[in-house]
Each structure stands twice: as structure tokens, then as C-alpha cells.
N, C-alpha and C. Protein backbone atom coordinates (compact mmCIF):
# COMPACT_ATOMS: atom_id res chain seq x y z
N PRO A 1 0.89 7.08 26.02
CA PRO A 1 1.66 7.13 24.76
C PRO A 1 0.81 7.65 23.76
N PRO A 2 1.49 8.30 22.69
CA PRO A 2 0.65 8.97 21.60
C PRO A 2 -0.03 7.94 20.75
N SER A 3 -1.16 8.27 20.27
CA SER A 3 -1.88 7.48 19.30
C SER A 3 -1.16 7.28 18.02
N ARG A 4 -0.99 6.02 17.59
CA ARG A 4 -0.15 5.81 16.29
C ARG A 4 -1.05 5.39 15.18
N SER A 5 -1.36 6.11 14.26
CA SER A 5 -2.12 5.67 13.05
C SER A 5 -1.25 5.30 11.91
N ALA A 6 0.03 5.36 12.07
CA ALA A 6 0.99 5.10 10.98
C ALA A 6 1.96 4.12 11.40
N GLN A 7 2.45 3.29 10.48
CA GLN A 7 3.52 2.36 10.70
C GLN A 7 4.54 2.66 9.54
N LEU A 8 5.81 2.56 9.76
CA LEU A 8 6.90 2.58 9.06
C LEU A 8 7.68 1.31 9.17
N PHE A 9 7.62 0.53 8.05
CA PHE A 9 8.32 -0.68 8.13
C PHE A 9 9.64 -0.46 7.46
N ILE A 10 10.78 -0.56 8.04
CA ILE A 10 11.99 -0.32 7.41
C ILE A 10 12.80 -1.58 7.21
N ASN A 11 13.81 -1.43 6.21
CA ASN A 11 14.76 -2.53 5.96
C ASN A 11 14.01 -3.79 5.33
N ALA A 12 13.23 -3.59 4.44
CA ALA A 12 12.45 -4.67 3.86
C ALA A 12 12.95 -5.05 2.48
N HIS A 13 12.98 -6.40 2.16
CA HIS A 13 13.18 -6.89 0.88
C HIS A 13 11.72 -7.22 0.35
N ILE A 14 11.36 -6.46 -0.78
CA ILE A 14 9.98 -6.58 -1.21
C ILE A 14 9.96 -7.39 -2.46
N ALA A 15 9.14 -8.59 -2.40
CA ALA A 15 8.90 -9.36 -3.68
C ALA A 15 7.99 -8.57 -4.61
N THR A 16 8.23 -8.28 -5.74
CA THR A 16 7.57 -7.50 -6.66
C THR A 16 6.15 -8.20 -7.18
N GLY A 17 6.36 -9.51 -7.36
CA GLY A 17 5.11 -10.23 -7.86
C GLY A 17 5.06 -10.07 -9.31
N MET A 18 6.02 -9.47 -9.97
CA MET A 18 5.98 -9.20 -11.38
C MET A 18 6.16 -10.66 -12.10
N PRO A 19 5.57 -10.72 -13.30
CA PRO A 19 5.65 -12.04 -14.04
C PRO A 19 7.13 -12.41 -14.22
N GLY A 20 7.27 -13.71 -13.97
CA GLY A 20 8.74 -14.26 -14.05
C GLY A 20 9.73 -14.02 -12.88
N SER A 21 9.36 -13.12 -11.98
CA SER A 21 10.05 -12.92 -10.81
C SER A 21 9.96 -14.05 -9.90
N THR A 22 11.05 -14.16 -8.97
CA THR A 22 11.00 -15.20 -7.95
C THR A 22 11.21 -14.51 -6.67
N ALA A 23 10.93 -15.23 -5.60
CA ALA A 23 11.30 -14.64 -4.20
C ALA A 23 12.70 -14.16 -4.04
N ALA A 24 13.66 -14.73 -4.87
CA ALA A 24 15.03 -14.47 -4.78
C ALA A 24 15.29 -13.12 -5.52
N GLU A 25 14.36 -12.70 -6.35
CA GLU A 25 14.39 -11.51 -7.23
C GLU A 25 13.65 -10.42 -6.60
N THR A 26 14.05 -9.75 -5.50
CA THR A 26 13.28 -8.88 -4.79
C THR A 26 13.90 -7.49 -5.00
N ALA A 27 13.07 -6.46 -4.82
CA ALA A 27 13.53 -5.09 -4.90
C ALA A 27 14.62 -4.83 -3.79
N ALA A 28 15.54 -3.86 -3.98
CA ALA A 28 16.54 -3.57 -3.03
C ALA A 28 15.81 -3.23 -1.79
N ILE A 29 16.68 -3.26 -0.76
CA ILE A 29 16.11 -2.87 0.73
C ILE A 29 15.33 -1.52 0.55
N GLN A 30 14.09 -1.64 1.04
CA GLN A 30 13.24 -0.36 0.98
C GLN A 30 12.42 -0.31 2.28
N ASP A 31 11.73 0.84 2.38
CA ASP A 31 10.94 1.10 3.58
C ASP A 31 9.35 1.24 3.02
N ILE A 32 8.42 0.89 3.89
CA ILE A 32 7.03 1.04 3.56
C ILE A 32 6.35 1.91 4.53
N LEU A 33 5.60 2.90 4.21
CA LEU A 33 4.82 3.73 5.02
C LEU A 33 3.41 3.34 4.81
N VAL A 34 2.74 3.05 5.95
CA VAL A 34 1.34 2.77 6.05
C VAL A 34 0.56 3.65 6.95
N GLU A 35 -0.38 4.27 6.47
CA GLU A 35 -1.19 5.26 7.37
C GLU A 35 -2.71 4.69 7.22
N ASP A 36 -3.30 4.62 8.42
CA ASP A 36 -4.69 4.28 8.52
C ASP A 36 -4.95 3.01 7.55
N GLY A 37 -4.04 2.05 7.71
CA GLY A 37 -4.28 0.81 6.89
C GLY A 37 -4.04 0.87 5.46
N LYS A 38 -3.44 2.03 4.83
CA LYS A 38 -3.21 2.18 3.44
C LYS A 38 -1.84 2.38 3.10
N PHE A 39 -1.22 1.77 2.09
CA PHE A 39 0.02 2.01 1.71
C PHE A 39 0.22 3.31 1.18
N ILE A 40 1.11 4.11 1.75
CA ILE A 40 1.31 5.55 1.28
C ILE A 40 2.48 5.78 0.41
N SER A 41 3.57 5.02 0.80
CA SER A 41 4.87 5.28 0.13
C SER A 41 5.73 4.04 0.30
N ILE A 42 6.51 3.62 -0.82
CA ILE A 42 7.47 2.58 -0.74
C ILE A 42 8.74 3.20 -1.44
N ALA A 43 9.75 3.29 -0.52
CA ALA A 43 11.00 3.91 -1.11
C ALA A 43 12.14 3.65 -0.04
N PRO A 44 13.38 3.70 -0.47
CA PRO A 44 14.51 3.65 0.46
C PRO A 44 14.53 4.87 1.40
N HIS A 45 14.94 4.69 2.60
CA HIS A 45 15.37 5.71 3.50
C HIS A 45 14.09 6.59 3.82
N LEU A 46 12.94 5.96 3.95
CA LEU A 46 11.78 6.86 4.19
C LEU A 46 11.84 7.54 5.57
N LYS A 47 12.44 6.95 6.53
CA LYS A 47 12.42 7.59 7.85
C LYS A 47 13.16 9.00 7.79
N ALA A 48 14.34 8.97 7.27
CA ALA A 48 15.12 10.19 7.02
C ALA A 48 14.37 11.25 6.22
N THR A 49 13.65 10.79 5.26
CA THR A 49 12.88 11.59 4.30
C THR A 49 11.77 12.21 5.11
N LEU A 50 11.02 11.40 5.86
CA LEU A 50 9.91 11.94 6.67
C LEU A 50 10.37 13.00 7.72
N GLU A 51 11.41 12.70 8.45
CA GLU A 51 12.00 13.64 9.37
C GLU A 51 12.53 14.82 8.68
N ALA A 52 13.03 14.81 7.53
CA ALA A 52 13.51 16.07 6.83
C ALA A 52 12.35 16.85 6.40
N GLN A 53 11.15 16.16 6.23
CA GLN A 53 9.97 16.95 5.72
C GLN A 53 9.15 17.47 7.05
N GLY A 54 9.64 17.11 8.18
CA GLY A 54 9.08 17.63 9.48
C GLY A 54 7.96 16.81 9.93
N LYS A 55 7.84 15.43 9.56
CA LYS A 55 6.85 14.57 10.08
C LYS A 55 7.04 14.30 11.55
N ASP A 56 5.95 14.40 12.36
CA ASP A 56 6.03 14.13 13.69
C ASP A 56 6.19 12.44 13.78
N MET A 57 7.36 12.01 14.10
CA MET A 57 7.74 10.66 14.10
C MET A 57 7.30 10.01 15.46
N ALA A 58 6.81 10.81 16.36
CA ALA A 58 6.20 10.18 17.64
C ALA A 58 4.84 9.62 17.34
N SER A 59 4.25 9.96 16.27
CA SER A 59 2.98 9.25 15.83
C SER A 59 3.16 8.00 14.83
N VAL A 60 4.42 7.81 14.70
CA VAL A 60 4.66 6.66 13.67
C VAL A 60 5.27 5.49 14.38
N GLU A 61 4.76 4.39 14.42
CA GLU A 61 5.29 3.13 14.87
C GLU A 61 6.44 2.63 13.88
N VAL A 62 7.62 2.50 14.22
CA VAL A 62 8.63 2.07 13.36
C VAL A 62 9.08 0.59 13.63
N VAL A 63 8.88 -0.21 12.59
CA VAL A 63 9.17 -1.70 12.73
C VAL A 63 10.37 -2.04 11.75
N ASP A 64 11.48 -2.48 12.40
CA ASP A 64 12.64 -2.89 11.63
C ASP A 64 12.52 -4.28 11.18
N LEU A 65 12.33 -4.45 9.91
CA LEU A 65 12.19 -5.88 9.47
C LEU A 65 13.51 -6.55 9.19
N GLY A 66 14.62 -5.94 9.32
CA GLY A 66 15.93 -6.54 9.29
C GLY A 66 16.18 -7.36 8.07
N GLY A 67 15.79 -6.83 6.92
CA GLY A 67 15.94 -7.54 5.68
C GLY A 67 14.92 -8.65 5.30
N LYS A 68 13.95 -8.93 6.17
CA LYS A 68 13.00 -9.85 5.83
C LYS A 68 12.19 -9.58 4.64
N LEU A 69 11.69 -10.72 4.07
CA LEU A 69 10.97 -10.62 2.68
C LEU A 69 9.56 -10.16 3.08
N VAL A 70 9.07 -9.29 2.31
CA VAL A 70 7.65 -8.72 2.18
C VAL A 70 7.00 -9.10 0.89
N CYS A 71 5.84 -9.73 0.98
CA CYS A 71 5.25 -10.34 -0.17
C CYS A 71 3.91 -9.59 -0.34
N PRO A 72 3.36 -9.45 -1.59
CA PRO A 72 2.01 -8.97 -1.72
C PRO A 72 1.10 -10.15 -1.27
N PRO A 73 -0.15 -9.80 -0.74
CA PRO A 73 -1.05 -10.85 -0.38
C PRO A 73 -1.49 -11.76 -1.53
N PHE A 74 -1.76 -13.00 -1.22
CA PHE A 74 -2.25 -13.94 -2.20
C PHE A 74 -3.71 -14.32 -1.86
N CYS A 75 -4.55 -14.16 -2.80
CA CYS A 75 -5.95 -14.52 -2.67
C CYS A 75 -6.35 -15.61 -3.69
N ASP A 76 -6.56 -16.74 -3.16
CA ASP A 76 -6.93 -17.92 -4.08
C ASP A 76 -8.42 -17.98 -4.11
N THR A 77 -9.03 -17.58 -5.19
CA THR A 77 -10.52 -17.45 -5.18
C THR A 77 -11.14 -18.70 -5.95
N HIS A 78 -10.40 -19.62 -6.40
CA HIS A 78 -11.13 -20.90 -7.11
C HIS A 78 -11.70 -21.79 -6.08
N LEU A 79 -12.60 -22.54 -6.67
CA LEU A 79 -13.47 -23.43 -5.90
C LEU A 79 -13.50 -24.82 -6.69
N HIS A 80 -13.42 -25.83 -5.88
CA HIS A 80 -13.55 -27.17 -6.43
C HIS A 80 -14.94 -27.64 -6.08
N LEU A 81 -15.87 -27.64 -7.12
CA LEU A 81 -17.16 -28.00 -6.85
C LEU A 81 -17.40 -29.38 -6.41
N ASP A 82 -16.44 -30.35 -6.72
CA ASP A 82 -16.60 -31.64 -6.32
C ASP A 82 -16.43 -31.82 -4.83
N TYR A 83 -15.84 -30.79 -4.11
CA TYR A 83 -15.77 -30.83 -2.67
C TYR A 83 -16.98 -30.45 -2.03
N VAL A 84 -17.75 -29.50 -2.72
CA VAL A 84 -18.95 -28.88 -2.09
C VAL A 84 -20.20 -29.54 -2.68
N LEU A 85 -20.08 -30.31 -3.67
CA LEU A 85 -21.29 -31.09 -4.26
C LEU A 85 -20.95 -32.42 -4.43
N PRO A 86 -21.06 -33.23 -3.24
CA PRO A 86 -20.59 -34.51 -3.29
C PRO A 86 -21.36 -35.42 -4.27
N ASP A 87 -22.53 -35.06 -4.78
CA ASP A 87 -23.22 -35.90 -5.74
C ASP A 87 -22.93 -35.45 -7.20
N GLY A 88 -22.05 -34.62 -7.32
CA GLY A 88 -21.59 -34.25 -8.62
C GLY A 88 -22.28 -32.90 -9.13
N ILE A 89 -21.54 -32.31 -10.12
CA ILE A 89 -22.04 -31.07 -10.66
C ILE A 89 -23.25 -31.26 -11.55
N ASP A 90 -23.54 -32.53 -12.06
CA ASP A 90 -24.58 -32.72 -12.95
C ASP A 90 -25.95 -32.83 -12.14
N LYS A 91 -25.87 -32.66 -10.79
CA LYS A 91 -27.16 -32.66 -10.00
C LYS A 91 -27.63 -31.22 -9.76
N LEU A 92 -26.99 -30.31 -10.37
CA LEU A 92 -27.43 -28.84 -10.10
C LEU A 92 -28.76 -28.70 -10.76
């Protein structure tokens, strides 16, 4: 089989993560093109667009998300010092 360095995720509801938005307030069904691990494009009907542009679709893995929700990653970087310093922060 051909080597696939691109993935096209189709039929996705995308949570925007904008302030005040909720999971119920998603962007309309869209497609997401990822190449070499990087987001390249987010738009509706990307497969047809790529084909019209002459993209070799044999090198693209197409994944139909069937309207499932896609969310931006969440990175929680805070730390509870009382968990890692059992004798308290005043012992530093």
C-alpha cells in the first residue's frame, strides 16, 4: 500500500473553544486536513476541493468522523504544591 503522510478527517463537528462557547455550539460540519502531523486546512468539503486541485488521494487516509465532536487539546499545567511537598510550602 502507498505511504500515507496525510489524513483527512471528514464530517466533523468542531468545538471552537472560543470564550463563552459550549460543546453544543460547534462549527458546522467541516473537514480537517493533517499532513505530517500539522493542521493544514479546516473547511467544508475538503475532499472534493483536494480532488479538484489534483491532489493524489491515494496518499491520503480518509477518516469519516460521522458528525462526532472534535475538540482542541486541553493542557492543564497547574500544580498543587501541597501534593508534592507533604511538609508544606513553608519548608522550601
